[in-house]
């Protein structure tokens, strides 16, 4: 069962990165350019929403190593699930980026998360938006049903990607940054994005548990997004 759930996470992450960063490649290839930040944000948001609807009740649809770690800290996923999930997510994102590289060999970074800002600025922005995302996910994961969580999380991703994308790429997801970085060979800023998103997610999980004081610390497998 764990292997099947990990495979679902890999497929879901592939879909997210392929659609989201594919939208970036499509935008850059357009002859008549116009503002596309909102369109790219919607591509990421809709991809997240659809993946949650598709596999949320099966694997949890984390599709993000930082989210998996946040759920682990909140005791919604067992420790034995963490590494298989993260490996599958990173593999799915990497496969998506190399697939896009085959389709558009001339793109400079295949939709990667790079920025001209200072390192501390990138870290601060990614830390904050990932923390907001993780806090929202933890809140809506308690709701019954799958539609409201899917729309809410997809909406947050779309909003962040549209507003913050032009500045840092709005990663919020180590796997989403890893795939394009490996495909393009641009690894200089990868460590910043990984550290910022992981620490942002864990900080949100710590704050969430302190704020809402869970009555039980028993570990359960998360089956909601």
C-alpha atoms as a PDB file:
ATOM      1  CA  UNK A   1       0.000   0.000   0.000  1.00  0.00           C
ATOM      2  CA  UNK A   2       2.826   2.414   0.849  1.00  0.00           C
ATOM      3  CA  UNK A   3       4.516   1.831  -2.498  1.00  0.00           C
ATOM      4  CA  UNK A   4       1.271   2.517  -4.343  1.00  0.00           C
ATOM      5  CA  UNK A   5       0.717   5.710  -2.391  1.00  0.00           C
ATOM      6  CA  UNK A   6       4.284   6.843  -3.097  1.00  0.00           C
ATOM      7  CA  UNK A   7       3.771   6.151  -6.802  1.00  0.00           C
ATOM      8  CA  UNK A   8       0.591   8.242  -6.677  1.00  0.00           C
ATOM      9  CA  UNK A   9       2.612  11.068  -5.126  1.00  0.00           C
ATOM     10  CA  UNK A  10       5.194  10.784  -7.882  1.00  0.00           C
ATOM     11  CA  UNK A  11       2.563  10.901 -10.606  1.00  0.00           C
ATOM     12  CA  UNK A  12       0.792  13.810  -8.942  1.00  0.00           C
ATOM     13  CA  UNK A  13       4.025  15.786  -8.638  1.00  0.00           C
ATOM     14  CA  UNK A  14       4.872  15.011 -12.266  1.00  0.00           C
ATOM     15  CA  UNK A  15       1.504  16.439 -13.304  1.00  0.00           C
ATOM     16  CA  UNK A  16       1.973  19.560 -11.153  1.00  0.00           C
ATOM     17  CA  UNK A  17       5.444  20.377 -12.460  1.00  0.00           C
ATOM     18  CA  UNK A  18       4.669  19.455 -16.056  1.00  0.00           C
ATOM     19  CA  UNK A  19       1.571  21.665 -16.193  1.00  0.00           C
ATOM     20  CA  UNK A  20       2.896  24.527 -14.064  1.00  0.00           C
ATOM     21  CA  UNK A  21       6.370  24.899 -15.526  1.00  0.00           C
ATOM     22  CA  UNK A  22       5.023  23.912 -18.927  1.00  0.00           C
ATOM     23  CA  UNK A  23       2.867  27.022 -18.770  1.00  0.00           C
ATOM     24  CA  UNK A  24       6.034  29.049 -18.208  1.00  0.00           C
ATOM     25  CA  UNK A  25       7.680  27.515 -21.274  1.00  0.00           C
ATOM     26  CA  UNK A  26       4.550  28.121 -23.337  1.00  0.00           C
ATOM     27  CA  UNK A  27       4.422  31.737 -22.196  1.00  0.00           C
ATOM     28  CA  UNK A  28       8.069  32.323 -23.055  1.00  0.00           C
ATOM     29  CA  UNK A  29       7.574  30.796 -26.517  1.00  0.00           C
ATOM     30  CA  UNK A  30       4.710  33.125 -27.457  1.00  0.00           C
ATOM     31  CA  UNK A  31       5.481  35.543 -30.286  1.00  0.00           C
ATOM     32  CA  UNK A  32       3.109  38.263 -29.092  1.00  0.00           C
ATOM     33  CA  UNK A  33       3.955  38.687 -25.439  1.00  0.00           C
ATOM     34  CA  UNK A  34       1.451  39.955 -22.883  1.00  0.00           C
ATOM     35  CA  UNK A  35       1.274  39.695 -19.092  1.00  0.00           C
ATOM     36  CA  UNK A  36       1.009  36.005 -18.278  1.00  0.00           C
ATOM     37  CA  UNK A  37       1.732  35.883 -14.549  1.00  0.00           C
ATOM     38  CA  UNK A  38      -1.924  35.259 -13.733  1.00  0.00           C
ATOM     39  CA  UNK A  39      -2.176  32.555 -16.383  1.00  0.00           C
ATOM     40  CA  UNK A  40       0.894  30.772 -15.025  1.00  0.00           C
ATOM     41  CA  UNK A  41      -0.458  31.082 -11.497  1.00  0.00           C
ATOM     42  CA  UNK A  42      -3.762  29.598 -12.580  1.00  0.00           C
ATOM     43  CA  UNK A  43      -1.936  26.720 -14.274  1.00  0.00           C
ATOM     44  CA  UNK A  44      -0.184  25.835 -11.024  1.00  0.00           C
ATOM     45  CA  UNK A  45      -3.339  26.327  -8.963  1.00  0.00           C
ATOM     46  CA  UNK A  46      -5.602  24.277 -11.216  1.00  0.00           C
ATOM     47  CA  UNK A  47      -2.975  21.519 -11.408  1.00  0.00           C
ATOM     48  CA  UNK A  48      -2.820  21.338  -7.608  1.00  0.00           C
ATOM     49  CA  UNK A  49      -6.602  21.309  -7.339  1.00  0.00           C
ATOM     50  CA  UNK A  50      -6.997  18.517  -9.872  1.00  0.00           C
ATOM     51  CA  UNK A  51      -4.298  16.386  -8.245  1.00  0.00           C
ATOM     52  CA  UNK A  52      -5.936  16.773  -4.835  1.00  0.00           C
ATOM     53  CA  UNK A  53      -9.277  15.756  -6.286  1.00  0.00           C
ATOM     54  CA  UNK A  54      -7.668  12.793  -8.035  1.00  0.00           C
ATOM     55  CA  UNK A  55      -5.491  11.307  -5.294  1.00  0.00           C
ATOM     56  CA  UNK A  56      -6.261  13.282  -2.145  1.00  0.00           C
ATOM     57  CA  UNK A  57      -8.272  10.485  -0.556  1.00  0.00           C
ATOM     58  CA  UNK A  58      -5.645   7.929  -1.533  1.00  0.00           C
ATOM     59  CA  UNK A  59      -2.195   9.313  -0.726  1.00  0.00           C
ATOM     60  CA  UNK A  60      -3.050  12.727   0.721  1.00  0.00           C
ATOM     61  CA  UNK A  61      -1.856  14.532  -2.441  1.00  0.00           C
ATOM     62  CA  UNK A  62       1.042  16.221  -0.697  1.00  0.00           C
ATOM     63  CA  UNK A  63       2.990  16.501  -4.023  1.00  0.00           C
ATOM     64  CA  UNK A  64       5.512  18.546  -2.063  1.00  0.00           C
ATOM     65  CA  UNK A  65       8.290  17.347   0.280  1.00  0.00           C
ATOM     66  CA  UNK A  66       7.819  20.409   2.489  1.00  0.00           C
ATOM     67  CA  UNK A  67       4.129  19.567   2.926  1.00  0.00           C
ATOM     68  CA  UNK A  68       4.983  15.953   3.729  1.00  0.00           C
ATOM     69  CA  UNK A  69       7.371  17.136   6.452  1.00  0.00           C
ATOM     70  CA  UNK A  70       4.742  19.530   7.784  1.00  0.00           C
ATOM     71  CA  UNK A  71       2.187  16.725   7.997  1.00  0.00           C
ATOM     72  CA  UNK A  72       4.801  14.512   9.644  1.00  0.00           C
ATOM     73  CA  UNK A  73       5.457  17.108  12.345  1.00  0.00           C
ATOM     74  CA  UNK A  74       1.723  17.446  12.902  1.00  0.00           C
ATOM     75  CA  UNK A  75       1.557  13.646  13.301  1.00  0.00           C
ATOM     76  CA  UNK A  76      -0.777  13.177  10.353  1.00  0.00           C
ATOM     77  CA  UNK A  77       1.615  10.857   8.545  1.00  0.00           C
ATOM     78  CA  UNK A  78       3.831   8.132   9.957  1.00  0.00           C
ATOM     79  CA  UNK A  79       7.612   8.389   9.834  1.00  0.00           C
ATOM     80  CA  UNK A  80       7.823   5.342   7.576  1.00  0.00           C
ATOM     81  CA  UNK A  81       5.920   7.229   4.853  1.00  0.00           C
ATOM     82  CA  UNK A  82       8.135  10.319   4.786  1.00  0.00           C
ATOM     83  CA  UNK A  83      11.154   9.139   2.813  1.00  0.00           C
ATOM     84  CA  UNK A  84       9.212   7.139   0.168  1.00  0.00           C
ATOM     85  CA  UNK A  85       6.900  10.106  -0.379  1.00  0.00           C
ATOM     86  CA  UNK A  86       9.767  12.577  -0.742  1.00  0.00           C
ATOM     87  CA  UNK A  87      11.734  10.329  -3.089  1.00  0.00           C
ATOM     88  CA  UNK A  88       8.664   9.817  -5.259  1.00  0.00           C
ATOM     89  CA  UNK A  89       7.846  13.527  -5.322  1.00  0.00           C
ATOM     90  CA  UNK A  90      11.385  14.502  -6.320  1.00  0.00           C
ATOM     91  CA  UNK A  91      11.481  11.769  -8.956  1.00  0.00           C
ATOM     92  CA  UNK A  92       8.161  12.894 -10.415  1.00  0.00           C
ATOM     93  CA  UNK A  93       9.237  16.535 -10.566  1.00  0.00           C
ATOM     94  CA  UNK A  94      12.575  15.629 -12.149  1.00  0.00           C
ATOM     95  CA  UNK A  95      10.908  13.404 -14.744  1.00  0.00           C
ATOM     96  CA  UNK A  96       8.511  16.224 -15.637  1.00  0.00           C
ATOM     97  CA  UNK A  97      11.342  18.718 -16.102  1.00  0.00           C
ATOM     98  CA  UNK A  98      13.408  16.394 -18.289  1.00  0.00           C
ATOM     99  CA  UNK A  99      10.300  15.675 -20.343  1.00  0.00           C
ATOM    100  CA  UNK A 100       9.816  19.406 -20.900  1.00  0.00           C
ATOM    101  CA  UNK A 101      13.507  19.692 -21.747  1.00  0.00           C
ATOM    102  CA  UNK A 102      12.967  17.222 -24.569  1.00  0.00           C
ATOM    103  CA  UNK A 103      10.042  19.291 -25.846  1.00  0.00           C
ATOM    104  CA  UNK A 104      11.845  22.648 -25.681  1.00  0.00           C
ATOM    105  CA  UNK A 105      15.606  22.175 -25.699  1.00  0.00           C
ATOM    106  CA  UNK A 106      16.315  25.904 -26.094  1.00  0.00           C
ATOM    107  CA  UNK A 107      14.651  27.172 -22.917  1.00  0.00           C
ATOM    108  CA  UNK A 108      17.239  28.560 -20.468  1.00  0.00           C
ATOM    109  CA  UNK A 109      15.901  27.062 -17.223  1.00  0.00           C
ATOM    110  CA  UNK A 110      12.799  24.979 -18.037  1.00  0.00           C
ATOM    111  CA  UNK A 111      10.595  27.004 -15.692  1.00  0.00           C
ATOM    112  CA  UNK A 112      13.021  26.866 -12.787  1.00  0.00           C
ATOM    113  CA  UNK A 113      12.896  29.029  -9.693  1.00  0.00           C
ATOM    114  CA  UNK A 114      15.642  31.621 -10.030  1.00  0.00           C
ATOM    115  CA  UNK A 115      15.777  35.216  -8.898  1.00  0.00           C
ATOM    116  CA  UNK A 116      17.870  38.360  -9.144  1.00  0.00           C
ATOM    117  CA  UNK A 117      17.079  39.234  -5.546  1.00  0.00           C
ATOM    118  CA  UNK A 118      19.594  38.847  -2.735  1.00  0.00           C
ATOM    119  CA  UNK A 119      19.766  35.433  -1.095  1.00  0.00           C
ATOM    120  CA  UNK A 120      18.168  36.647   2.136  1.00  0.00           C
ATOM    121  CA  UNK A 121      15.290  38.199   0.215  1.00  0.00           C
ATOM    122  CA  UNK A 122      14.630  34.953  -1.671  1.00  0.00           C
ATOM    123  CA  UNK A 123      14.777  33.015   1.579  1.00  0.00           C
ATOM    124  CA  UNK A 124      12.422  35.375   3.409  1.00  0.00           C
ATOM    125  CA  UNK A 125       9.821  35.432   0.644  1.00  0.00           C
ATOM    126  CA  UNK A 126       9.842  31.668   0.086  1.00  0.00           C
ATOM    127  CA  UNK A 127       9.809  30.993   3.821  1.00  0.00           C
ATOM    128  CA  UNK A 128       6.771  33.200   4.311  1.00  0.00           C
ATOM    129  CA  UNK A 129       4.648  32.009   1.396  1.00  0.00           C
ATOM    130  CA  UNK A 130       5.412  28.360   2.173  1.00  0.00           C
ATOM    131  CA  UNK A 131       4.468  28.902   5.814  1.00  0.00           C
ATOM    132  CA  UNK A 132       1.168  30.467   4.757  1.00  0.00           C
ATOM    133  CA  UNK A 133       0.491  27.583   2.380  1.00  0.00           C
ATOM    134  CA  UNK A 134       1.262  24.930   4.997  1.00  0.00           C
ATOM    135  CA  UNK A 135      -0.872  26.615   7.646  1.00  0.00           C
ATOM    136  CA  UNK A 136      -3.835  26.767   5.275  1.00  0.00           C
ATOM    137  CA  UNK A 137      -3.323  23.124   4.278  1.00  0.00           C
ATOM    138  CA  UNK A 138      -3.302  22.021   7.912  1.00  0.00           C
ATOM    139  CA  UNK A 139      -6.517  23.905   8.563  1.00  0.00           C
ATOM    140  CA  UNK A 140      -8.475  22.666   5.575  1.00  0.00           C
ATOM    141  CA  UNK A 141      -7.199  19.095   5.929  1.00  0.00           C
ATOM    142  CA  UNK A 142      -9.445  18.828   8.982  1.00  0.00           C
ATOM    143  CA  UNK A 143     -12.569  19.505   6.915  1.00  0.00           C
ATOM    144  CA  UNK A 144     -14.789  16.721   5.684  1.00  0.00           C
ATOM    145  CA  UNK A 145     -14.898  16.156   1.980  1.00  0.00           C
ATOM    146  CA  UNK A 146     -12.287  16.890  -0.654  1.00  0.00           C
ATOM    147  CA  UNK A 147     -13.714  19.701  -2.790  1.00  0.00           C
ATOM    148  CA  UNK A 148     -13.261  22.618  -0.379  1.00  0.00           C
ATOM    149  CA  UNK A 149      -9.661  21.664   0.505  1.00  0.00           C
ATOM    150  CA  UNK A 150      -8.848  21.203  -3.179  1.00  0.00           C
ATOM    151  CA  UNK A 151     -10.245  24.587  -4.186  1.00  0.00           C
ATOM    152  CA  UNK A 152      -8.710  26.356  -1.183  1.00  0.00           C
ATOM    153  CA  UNK A 153      -5.210  24.964  -1.581  1.00  0.00           C
ATOM    154  CA  UNK A 154      -5.302  25.387  -5.356  1.00  0.00           C
ATOM    155  CA  UNK A 155      -6.425  28.971  -4.859  1.00  0.00           C
ATOM    156  CA  UNK A 156      -3.588  29.770  -2.445  1.00  0.00           C
ATOM    157  CA  UNK A 157      -1.045  28.276  -4.850  1.00  0.00           C
ATOM    158  CA  UNK A 158      -2.515  30.238  -7.763  1.00  0.00           C
ATOM    159  CA  UNK A 159      -2.471  33.479  -5.768  1.00  0.00           C
ATOM    160  CA  UNK A 160       1.117  33.051  -4.635  1.00  0.00           C
ATOM    161  CA  UNK A 161       2.333  31.946  -8.051  1.00  0.00           C
ATOM    162  CA  UNK A 162       0.653  34.929  -9.727  1.00  0.00           C
ATOM    163  CA  UNK A 163       1.793  37.569  -7.227  1.00  0.00           C
ATOM    164  CA  UNK A 164       5.203  36.269  -6.158  1.00  0.00           C
ATOM    165  CA  UNK A 165       6.190  34.309  -9.258  1.00  0.00           C
ATOM    166  CA  UNK A 166       7.792  37.304 -11.014  1.00  0.00           C
ATOM    167  CA  UNK A 167      10.115  37.850  -8.028  1.00  0.00           C
ATOM    168  CA  UNK A 168      11.244  34.392  -6.857  1.00  0.00           C
ATOM    169  CA  UNK A 169       9.276  31.914  -8.954  1.00  0.00           C
ATOM    170  CA  UNK A 170       7.040  31.194  -5.937  1.00  0.00           C
ATOM    171  CA  UNK A 171       8.391  27.702  -5.388  1.00  0.00           C
ATOM    172  CA  UNK A 172       6.819  26.697  -2.042  1.00  0.00           C
ATOM    173  CA  UNK A 173       7.972  23.204  -3.004  1.00  0.00           C
ATOM    174  CA  UNK A 174      11.511  21.727  -2.948  1.00  0.00           C
ATOM    175  CA  UNK A 175      10.620  19.196  -5.663  1.00  0.00           C
ATOM    176  CA  UNK A 176       9.235  21.922  -7.933  1.00  0.00           C
ATOM    177  CA  UNK A 177      12.603  23.733  -7.667  1.00  0.00           C
ATOM    178  CA  UNK A 178      14.711  20.570  -7.871  1.00  0.00           C
ATOM    179  CA  UNK A 179      13.352  19.224 -11.160  1.00  0.00           C
ATOM    180  CA  UNK A 180      14.022  22.251 -13.376  1.00  0.00           C
ATOM    181  CA  UNK A 181      17.352  22.905 -11.622  1.00  0.00           C
ATOM    182  CA  UNK A 182      18.598  19.409 -12.483  1.00  0.00           C
ATOM    183  CA  UNK A 183      17.291  19.599 -16.049  1.00  0.00           C
ATOM    184  CA  UNK A 184      18.936  22.972 -16.693  1.00  0.00           C
ATOM    185  CA  UNK A 185      22.045  22.496 -14.549  1.00  0.00           C
ATOM    186  CA  UNK A 186      21.325  25.754 -12.723  1.00  0.00           C
ATOM    187  CA  UNK A 187      21.921  24.670  -9.132  1.00  0.00           C
ATOM    188  CA  UNK A 188      23.340  27.891  -7.657  1.00  0.00           C
ATOM    189  CA  UNK A 189      20.202  28.966  -5.775  1.00  0.00           C
ATOM    190  CA  UNK A 190      18.657  25.537  -5.231  1.00  0.00           C
ATOM    191  CA  UNK A 191      19.852  25.275  -1.638  1.00  0.00           C
ATOM    192  CA  UNK A 192      18.140  28.543  -0.725  1.00  0.00           C
ATOM    193  CA  UNK A 193      14.811  27.374  -2.097  1.00  0.00           C
ATOM    194  CA  UNK A 194      15.005  23.973  -0.422  1.00  0.00           C
ATOM    195  CA  UNK A 195      15.953  25.391   2.987  1.00  0.00           C
ATOM    196  CA  UNK A 196      13.390  28.213   2.850  1.00  0.00           C
ATOM    197  CA  UNK A 197      10.459  26.003   1.847  1.00  0.00           C
ATOM    198  CA  UNK A 198      11.242  23.202   4.292  1.00  0.00           C
ATOM    199  CA  UNK A 199      11.794  25.556   7.220  1.00  0.00           C
ATOM    200  CA  UNK A 200       8.731  27.594   6.299  1.00  0.00           C
ATOM    201  CA  UNK A 201       6.544  24.499   6.282  1.00  0.00           C
ATOM    202  CA  UNK A 202       7.917  23.149   9.557  1.00  0.00           C
ATOM    203  CA  UNK A 203       7.555  26.562  11.219  1.00  0.00           C
ATOM    204  CA  UNK A 204       3.907  26.706  10.161  1.00  0.00           C
ATOM    205  CA  UNK A 205       3.351  23.203  11.555  1.00  0.00           C
ATOM    206  CA  UNK A 206       4.949  24.195  14.873  1.00  0.00           C
ATOM    207  CA  UNK A 207       2.813  27.339  15.068  1.00  0.00           C
ATOM    208  CA  UNK A 208      -0.309  25.389  14.138  1.00  0.00           C
ATOM    209  CA  UNK A 209       0.201  22.816  16.898  1.00  0.00           C
ATOM    210  CA  UNK A 210       0.924  25.507  19.484  1.00  0.00           C
ATOM    211  CA  UNK A 211      -2.121  27.497  18.450  1.00  0.00           C
ATOM    212  CA  UNK A 212      -4.666  24.700  18.317  1.00  0.00           C
ATOM    213  CA  UNK A 213      -3.129  22.361  20.900  1.00  0.00           C
ATOM    214  CA  UNK A 214      -4.118  18.948  19.506  1.00  0.00           C
ATOM    215  CA  UNK A 215      -5.742  16.758  22.131  1.00  0.00           C
ATOM    216  CA  UNK A 216      -3.938  13.620  20.975  1.00  0.00           C
ATOM    217  CA  UNK A 217      -0.430  13.122  19.706  1.00  0.00           C
ATOM    218  CA  UNK A 218      -1.163   9.721  18.215  1.00  0.00           C
ATOM    219  CA  UNK A 219       0.282   9.355  14.724  1.00  0.00           C
ATOM    220  CA  UNK A 220      -2.166   8.589  11.925  1.00  0.00           C
ATOM    221  CA  UNK A 221      -1.701   8.319   8.215  1.00  0.00           C
ATOM    222  CA  UNK A 222      -2.946  11.449   6.472  1.00  0.00           C
ATOM    223  CA  UNK A 223      -5.549  10.677   3.820  1.00  0.00           C
ATOM    224  CA  UNK A 224      -6.642  14.239   3.128  1.00  0.00           C
ATOM    225  CA  UNK A 225      -4.738  16.985   1.339  1.00  0.00           C
END
